[in-house]
Amino acid sequence: QVQLVESGGGLVQAGGSLRLACAASGPTFSNYAMGWFRQTPGKEREFVAALSRSGDRTYYADSVKGRFTISRDNVKNTVYLQMNSLKPEDTAVYYCAAKWTLIYTIVLRTPGEYNYWGQGTQVTVSS
């Protein structure tokens, strides 16, 4: 079992950058495929980015492609989301998620595929 704690959210002006971090506790972090999602009030949780166990397979939502980068550090048991060129529509609570898997290269894009979630961190982008 893994526990996830996000950090790095905050208030930023449009065009700015933030780096979110998701620290995982528990053994064998490298056995988990990881993802980032976001949610605004009244809307369903939205896929943002996903990363394979191997760290070399990624997938991004069209809305963030070219602006956001997901990465992992298996020594620090942390997954990151570097967010550049932020827009007001990026405002949301951001959640990281984990799924234990035997498949090194799988990337998972729907909330139902993950079974561990962090508590979320608020990102607010002002215009």
Foldseek 3Di string as FASTA:
>chain_A
DKAKAKDWADEEAAQAKIKMKIAIDDPDLLQKKKFKWWDDPPDDIAGAKTAFSQFPAMDGDPVQPPFWDWGDDVVRRMIMIIGGRDDQVVWTWMKMFIDGDPDRHDIDGDPVRTDYIYPTDTHGYHD
